[in-house]
PDB file of N, CA and C in Angstrom:
ATOM      1  N   MET A   1      10.334 -11.249 -14.326  1.00  0.00           N
ATOM      2  CA  MET A   1      10.793  -9.882 -14.419  1.00  0.00           C
ATOM      3  C   MET A   1      10.920  -9.290 -13.019  1.00  0.00           C
ATOM      4  N   LYS A   2      12.033  -8.692 -12.715  1.00  0.00           N
ATOM      5  CA  LYS A   2      12.293  -8.121 -11.405  1.00  0.00           C
ATOM      6  C   LYS A   2      11.730  -6.701 -11.320  1.00  0.00           C
ATOM      7  N   GLN A   3      10.989  -6.437 -10.231  1.00  0.00           N
ATOM      8  CA  GLN A   3      10.423  -5.107 -10.037  1.00  0.00           C
ATOM      9  C   GLN A   3      11.426  -4.212  -9.321  1.00  0.00           C
ATOM     10  N   ASN A   4      11.409  -2.933  -9.671  1.00  0.00           N
ATOM     11  CA  ASN A   4      12.232  -1.973  -8.959  1.00  0.00           C
ATOM     12  C   ASN A   4      11.619  -1.709  -7.596  1.00  0.00           C
ATOM     13  N   LYS A   5      12.446  -1.657  -6.578  1.00  0.00           N
ATOM     14  CA  LYS A   5      11.965  -1.359  -5.237  1.00  0.00           C
ATOM     15  C   LYS A   5      11.628   0.112  -5.130  1.00  0.00           C
ATOM     16  N   VAL A   6      10.537   0.397  -4.437  1.00  0.00           N
ATOM     17  CA  VAL A   6      10.160   1.772  -4.159  1.00  0.00           C
ATOM     18  C   VAL A   6      10.841   2.173  -2.864  1.00  0.00           C
ATOM     19  N   LEU A   7      11.489   3.329  -2.866  1.00  0.00           N
ATOM     20  CA  LEU A   7      12.135   3.847  -1.661  1.00  0.00           C
ATOM     21  C   LEU A   7      11.301   4.969  -1.070  1.00  0.00           C
ATOM     22  N   CYS A   8      11.232   5.009   0.237  1.00  0.00           N
ATOM     23  CA  CYS A   8      10.525   6.081   0.931  1.00  0.00           C
ATOM     24  C   CYS A   8      11.267   7.399   0.719  1.00  0.00           C
ATOM     25  N   PRO A   9      10.551   8.454   0.303  1.00  0.00           N
ATOM     26  CA  PRO A   9      11.214   9.739   0.106  1.00  0.00           C
ATOM     27  C   PRO A   9      11.593  10.424   1.414  1.00  0.00           C
ATOM     28  N   PHE A  10      11.066   9.945   2.538  1.00  0.00           N
ATOM     29  CA  PHE A  10      11.339  10.556   3.841  1.00  0.00           C
ATOM     30  C   PHE A  10      12.550   9.937   4.530  1.00  0.00           C
ATOM     31  N   CYS A  11      12.584   8.586   4.601  1.00  0.00           N
ATOM     32  CA  CYS A  11      13.668   7.927   5.339  1.00  0.00           C
ATOM     33  C   CYS A  11      14.535   7.024   4.461  1.00  0.00           C
ATOM     34  N   LYS A  12      14.181   6.905   3.182  1.00  0.00           N
ATOM     35  CA  LYS A  12      14.925   6.102   2.194  1.00  0.00           C
ATOM     36  C   LYS A  12      14.841   4.593   2.432  1.00  0.00           C
ATOM     37  N   SER A  13      13.919   4.156   3.277  1.00  0.00           N
ATOM     38  CA  SER A  13      13.722   2.732   3.521  1.00  0.00           C
ATOM     39  C   SER A  13      13.110   2.069   2.295  1.00  0.00           C
ATOM     40  N   ASP A  14      13.408   0.776   2.102  1.00  0.00           N
ATOM     41  CA  ASP A  14      12.755   0.029   1.033  1.00  0.00           C
ATOM     42  C   ASP A  14      11.634  -0.857   1.584  1.00  0.00           C
ATOM     43  N   LYS A  15      11.284  -0.661   2.841  1.00  0.00           N
ATOM     44  CA  LYS A  15      10.181  -1.396   3.469  1.00  0.00           C
ATOM     45  C   LYS A  15       8.890  -0.637   3.209  1.00  0.00           C
ATOM     46  N   VAL A  16       8.446  -0.717   1.964  1.00  0.00           N
ATOM     47  CA  VAL A  16       7.310   0.060   1.475  1.00  0.00           C
ATOM     48  C   VAL A  16       6.234  -0.890   0.966  1.00  0.00           C
ATOM     49  N   ARG A  17       4.982  -0.617   1.355  1.00  0.00           N
ATOM     50  CA  ARG A  17       3.841  -1.398   0.870  1.00  0.00           C
ATOM     51  C   ARG A  17       2.913  -0.494   0.065  1.00  0.00           C
ATOM     52  N   LYS A  18       2.308  -1.051  -0.947  1.00  0.00           N
ATOM     53  CA  LYS A  18       1.377  -0.316  -1.805  1.00  0.00           C
ATOM     54  C   LYS A  18      -0.031  -0.390  -1.213  1.00  0.00           C
ATOM     55  N   PHE A  19      -0.787   0.693  -1.339  1.00  0.00           N
ATOM     56  CA  PHE A  19      -2.182   0.708  -0.923  1.00  0.00           C
ATOM     57  C   PHE A  19      -3.021  -0.045  -1.949  1.00  0.00           C
ATOM     58  N   GLU A  20      -4.016  -0.770  -1.463  1.00  0.00           N
ATOM     59  CA  GLU A  20      -5.038  -1.396  -2.299  1.00  0.00           C
ATOM     60  C   GLU A  20      -6.378  -0.837  -1.846  1.00  0.00           C
ATOM     61  N   TYR A  21      -7.121  -0.283  -2.789  1.00  0.00           N
ATOM     62  CA  TYR A  21      -8.415   0.323  -2.492  1.00  0.00           C
ATOM     63  C   TYR A  21      -9.530  -0.528  -3.068  1.00  0.00           C
ATOM     64  N   GLY A  22     -10.705  -0.392  -2.477  1.00  0.00           N
ATOM     65  CA  GLY A  22     -11.878  -1.112  -2.950  1.00  0.00           C
ATOM     66  C   GLY A  22     -12.254  -2.226  -1.993  1.00  0.00           C
ATOM     67  N   LEU A  23     -13.314  -2.908  -2.332  1.00  0.00           N
ATOM     68  CA  LEU A  23     -13.799  -4.011  -1.511  1.00  0.00           C
ATOM     69  C   LEU A  23     -12.949  -5.249  -1.786  1.00  0.00           C
ATOM     70  N   ILE A  24     -12.359  -5.782  -0.742  1.00  0.00           N
ATOM     71  CA  ILE A  24     -11.522  -6.973  -0.867  1.00  0.00           C
ATOM     72  C   ILE A  24     -12.209  -8.085  -0.080  1.00  0.00           C
ATOM     73  N   ASP A  25     -12.456  -9.202  -0.708  1.00  0.00           N
ATOM     74  CA  ASP A  25     -13.201 -10.296  -0.103  1.00  0.00           C
ATOM     75  C   ASP A  25     -12.248 -11.258   0.599  1.00  0.00           C
ATOM     76  N   PHE A  26     -12.166 -11.117   1.925  1.00  0.00           N
ATOM     77  CA  PHE A  26     -11.341 -12.019   2.722  1.00  0.00           C
ATOM     78  C   PHE A  26     -12.216 -13.110   3.320  1.00  0.00           C
ATOM     79  N   LYS A  27     -11.669 -14.313   3.370  1.00  0.00           N
ATOM     80  CA  LYS A  27     -12.410 -15.444   3.934  1.00  0.00           C
ATOM     81  C   LYS A  27     -12.268 -15.519   5.455  1.00  0.00           C
ATOM     82  N   ASN A  28     -11.108 -15.059   5.975  1.00  0.00           N
ATOM     83  CA  ASN A  28     -10.864 -15.144   7.415  1.00  0.00           C
ATOM     84  C   ASN A  28      -9.762 -14.158   7.817  1.00  0.00           C
ATOM     85  N   LYS A  29      -9.496 -14.085   9.103  1.00  0.00           N
ATOM     86  CA  LYS A  29      -8.493 -13.150   9.626  1.00  0.00           C
ATOM     87  C   LYS A  29      -7.083 -13.479   9.163  1.00  0.00           C
ATOM     88  N   GLU A  30      -6.795 -14.742   8.928  1.00  0.00           N
ATOM     89  CA  GLU A  30      -5.469 -15.137   8.450  1.00  0.00           C
ATOM     90  C   GLU A  30      -5.198 -14.572   7.056  1.00  0.00           C
ATOM     91  N   GLU A  31      -6.218 -14.576   6.200  1.00  0.00           N
ATOM     92  CA  GLU A  31      -6.063 -13.990   4.869  1.00  0.00           C
ATOM     93  C   GLU A  31      -5.763 -12.497   4.961  1.00  0.00           C
ATOM     94  N   ILE A  32      -6.397 -11.820   5.905  1.00  0.00           N
ATOM     95  CA  ILE A  32      -6.149 -10.381   6.099  1.00  0.00           C
ATOM     96  C   ILE A  32      -4.702 -10.165   6.534  1.00  0.00           C
ATOM     97  N   LYS A  33      -4.229 -10.952   7.481  1.00  0.00           N
ATOM     98  CA  LYS A  33      -2.851 -10.821   7.970  1.00  0.00           C
ATOM     99  C   LYS A  33      -1.833 -11.042   6.851  1.00  0.00           C
ATOM    100  N   GLU A  34      -2.053 -12.050   6.030  1.00  0.00           N
ATOM    101  CA  GLU A  34      -1.151 -12.334   4.911  1.00  0.00           C
ATOM    102  C   GLU A  34      -1.173 -11.200   3.885  1.00  0.00           C
ATOM    103  N   PHE A  35      -2.359 -10.691   3.584  1.00  0.00           N
ATOM    104  CA  PHE A  35      -2.505  -9.597   2.631  1.00  0.00           C
ATOM    105  C   PHE A  35      -1.770  -8.355   3.125  1.00  0.00           C
ATOM    106  N   GLU A  36      -1.914  -8.063   4.419  1.00  0.00           N
ATOM    107  CA  GLU A  36      -1.308  -6.859   4.986  1.00  0.00           C
ATOM    108  C   GLU A  36       0.214  -6.940   5.100  1.00  0.00           C
ATOM    109  N   LYS A  37       0.798  -8.091   4.887  1.00  0.00           N
ATOM    110  CA  LYS A  37       2.256  -8.187   4.830  1.00  0.00           C
ATOM    111  C   LYS A  37       2.781  -7.528   3.553  1.00  0.00           C
ATOM    112  N   LEU A  38       1.940  -7.506   2.509  1.00  0.00           N
ATOM    113  CA  LEU A  38       2.346  -6.962   1.214  1.00  0.00           C
ATOM    114  C   LEU A  38       1.669  -5.644   0.863  1.00  0.00           C
ATOM    115  N   TYR A  39       0.443  -5.433   1.361  1.00  0.00           N
ATOM    116  CA  TYR A  39      -0.355  -4.271   0.972  1.00  0.00           C
ATOM    117  C   TYR A  39      -0.963  -3.585   2.192  1.00  0.00           C
ATOM    118  N   VAL A  40      -1.367  -2.326   1.991  1.00  0.00           N
ATOM    119  CA  VAL A  40      -2.114  -1.576   2.989  1.00  0.00           C
ATOM    120  C   VAL A  40      -3.553  -1.522   2.504  1.00  0.00           C
ATOM    121  N   ILE A  41      -4.501  -1.870   3.366  1.00  0.00           N
ATOM    122  CA  ILE A  41      -5.909  -1.792   2.997  1.00  0.00           C
ATOM    123  C   ILE A  41      -6.333  -0.336   3.095  1.00  0.00           C
ATOM    124  N   GLY A  42      -6.721   0.241   1.956  1.00  0.00           N
ATOM    125  CA  GLY A  42      -7.018   1.664   1.894  1.00  0.00           C
ATOM    126  C   GLY A  42      -8.484   2.018   2.012  1.00  0.00           C
ATOM    127  N   GLY A  43      -9.360   1.039   2.031  1.00  0.00           N
ATOM    128  CA  GLY A  43     -10.789   1.319   2.115  1.00  0.00           C
ATOM    129  C   GLY A  43     -11.408   1.466   0.736  1.00  0.00           C
ATOM    130  N   CYS A  44     -12.668   1.875   0.719  1.00  0.00           N
ATOM    131  CA  CYS A  44     -13.424   1.941  -0.540  1.00  0.00           C
ATOM    132  C   CYS A  44     -13.458   3.330  -1.155  1.00  0.00           C
ATOM    133  N   VAL A  45     -13.182   4.362  -0.379  1.00  0.00           N
ATOM    134  CA  VAL A  45     -13.260   5.728  -0.887  1.00  0.00           C
ATOM    135  C   VAL A  45     -11.868   6.181  -1.331  1.00  0.00           C
ATOM    136  N   VAL A  46     -11.765   6.553  -2.602  1.00  0.00           N
ATOM    137  CA  VAL A  46     -10.497   7.014  -3.161  1.00  0.00           C
ATOM    138  C   VAL A  46     -10.693   8.447  -3.639  1.00  0.00           C
ATOM    139  N   SER A  47      -9.759   9.310  -3.271  1.00  0.00           N
ATOM    140  CA  SER A  47      -9.820  10.707  -3.717  1.00  0.00           C
ATOM    141  C   SER A  47      -8.501  11.073  -4.391  1.00  0.00           C
ATOM    142  N   GLY A  48      -8.400  12.283  -4.850  1.00  0.00           N
ATOM    143  CA  GLY A  48      -7.169  12.755  -5.475  1.00  0.00           C
ATOM    144  C   GLY A  48      -6.002  12.839  -4.512  1.00  0.00           C
ATOM    145  N   ASP A  49      -6.302  12.803  -3.213  1.00  0.00           N
ATOM    146  CA  ASP A  49      -5.253  12.868  -2.189  1.00  0.00           C
ATOM    147  C   ASP A  49      -4.908  11.502  -1.595  1.00  0.00           C
ATOM    148  N   SER A  50      -5.519  10.442  -2.114  1.00  0.00           N
ATOM    149  CA  SER A  50      -5.272   9.109  -1.569  1.00  0.00           C
ATOM    150  C   SER A  50      -3.835   8.687  -1.869  1.00  0.00           C
ATOM    151  N   PRO A  51      -3.112   8.200  -0.841  1.00  0.00           N
ATOM    152  CA  PRO A  51      -1.713   7.819  -1.057  1.00  0.00           C
ATOM    153  C   PRO A  51      -1.580   6.506  -1.810  1.00  0.00           C
ATOM    154  N   GLU A  52      -0.435   6.328  -2.424  1.00  0.00           N
ATOM    155  CA  GLU A  52      -0.141   5.092  -3.152  1.00  0.00           C
ATOM    156  C   GLU A  52       0.692   4.118  -2.311  1.00  0.00           C
ATOM    157  N   TYR A  53       1.529   4.663  -1.416  1.00  0.00           N
ATOM    158  CA  TYR A  53       2.440   3.826  -0.635  1.00  0.00           C
ATOM    159  C   TYR A  53       2.455   4.224   0.834  1.00  0.00           C
ATOM    160  N   ARG A  54       2.853   3.253   1.673  1.00  0.00           N
ATOM    161  CA  ARG A  54       3.132   3.505   3.094  1.00  0.00           C
ATOM    162  C   ARG A  54       4.488   2.903   3.412  1.00  0.00           C
ATOM    163  N   CYS A  55       5.299   3.686   4.103  1.00  0.00           N
ATOM    164  CA  CYS A  55       6.606   3.217   4.544  1.00  0.00           C
ATOM    165  C   CYS A  55       6.473   2.568   5.912  1.00  0.00           C
ATOM    166  N   ASP A  56       6.932   1.342   6.037  1.00  0.00           N
ATOM    167  CA  ASP A  56       6.919   0.673   7.333  1.00  0.00           C
ATOM    168  C   ASP A  56       8.124   1.076   8.182  1.00  0.00           C
ATOM    169  N   GLY A  57       9.074   1.799   7.584  1.00  0.00           N
ATOM    170  CA  GLY A  57      10.231   2.289   8.337  1.00  0.00           C
ATOM    171  C   GLY A  57       9.895   3.506   9.176  1.00  0.00           C
ATOM    172  N   CYS A  58       9.168   4.467   8.576  1.00  0.00           N
ATOM    173  CA  CYS A  58       8.842   5.708   9.296  1.00  0.00           C
ATOM    174  C   CYS A  58       7.335   5.929   9.431  1.00  0.00           C
ATOM    175  N   ASP A  59       6.528   5.004   8.900  1.00  0.00           N
ATOM    176  CA  ASP A  59       5.077   5.029   9.012  1.00  0.00           C
ATOM    177  C   ASP A  59       4.431   6.233   8.319  1.00  0.00           C
ATOM    178  N   LYS A  60       5.066   6.720   7.246  1.00  0.00           N
ATOM    179  CA  LYS A  60       4.496   7.831   6.483  1.00  0.00           C
ATOM    180  C   LYS A  60       3.938   7.323   5.162  1.00  0.00           C
ATOM    181  N   ASP A  61       2.838   7.968   4.742  1.00  0.00           N
ATOM    182  CA  ASP A  61       2.229   7.673   3.451  1.00  0.00           C
ATOM    183  C   ASP A  61       2.762   8.656   2.423  1.00  0.00           C
ATOM    184  N   PHE A  62       2.868   8.188   1.160  1.00  0.00           N
ATOM    185  CA  PHE A  62       3.367   9.086   0.116  1.00  0.00           C
ATOM    186  C   PHE A  62       2.879   8.632  -1.250  1.00  0.00           C
ATOM    187  N   GLY A  63       3.108   9.477  -2.230  1.00  0.00           N
ATOM    188  CA  GLY A  63       2.663   9.205  -3.586  1.00  0.00           C
ATOM    189  C   GLY A  63       1.177   9.470  -3.725  1.00  0.00           C
ATOM    190  N   LYS A  64       0.711   9.508  -4.938  1.00  0.00           N
ATOM    191  CA  LYS A  64      -0.717   9.682  -5.196  1.00  0.00           C
ATOM    192  C   LYS A  64      -1.224   8.474  -5.954  1.00  0.00           C
ATOM    193  N   TRP A  65      -2.293   7.868  -5.428  1.00  0.00           N
ATOM    194  CA  TRP A  65      -2.852   6.692  -6.033  1.00  0.00           C
ATOM    195  C   TRP A  65      -3.474   7.047  -7.366  1.00  0.00           C
ATOM    196  N   HIS A  66      -3.312   6.152  -8.329  1.00  0.00           N
ATOM    197  CA  HIS A  66      -3.968   6.297  -9.619  1.00  0.00           C
ATOM    198  C   HIS A  66      -4.410   4.922 -10.084  1.00  0.00           C
ATOM    199  N   ASP A  67      -5.526   4.906 -10.785  1.00  0.00           N
ATOM    200  CA  ASP A  67      -6.097   3.653 -11.257  1.00  0.00           C
ATOM    201  C   ASP A  67      -5.261   3.142 -12.430  1.00  0.00           C
ATOM    202  N   GLU A  68      -4.677   1.960 -12.268  1.00  0.00           N
ATOM    203  CA  GLU A  68      -3.811   1.391 -13.301  1.00  0.00           C
ATOM    204  C   GLU A  68      -4.572   0.464 -14.242  1.00  0.00           C
ATOM    205  N   HIS A  69      -5.869   0.302 -14.053  1.00  0.00           N
ATOM    206  CA  HIS A  69      -6.643  -0.646 -14.872  1.00  0.00           C
ATOM    207  C   HIS A  69      -7.312   0.049 -16.012  1.00  0.00           C
TER     208      HIS A  69
END
């Protein structure tokens, strides 16, 4: 199934990564680099203002994170 691309509301770029929050168990620095190609590490603290996406075109965060589980 093909996912719809998220576009940045600021610059309209499709170079957008989703934030991942919580403790992520990486084995080494290479795993972190690979993960960060697809996701932004958001840390462990999530609030109502935590962003859902980051645009790599203009470096702005947008959207509001919500727990999908």
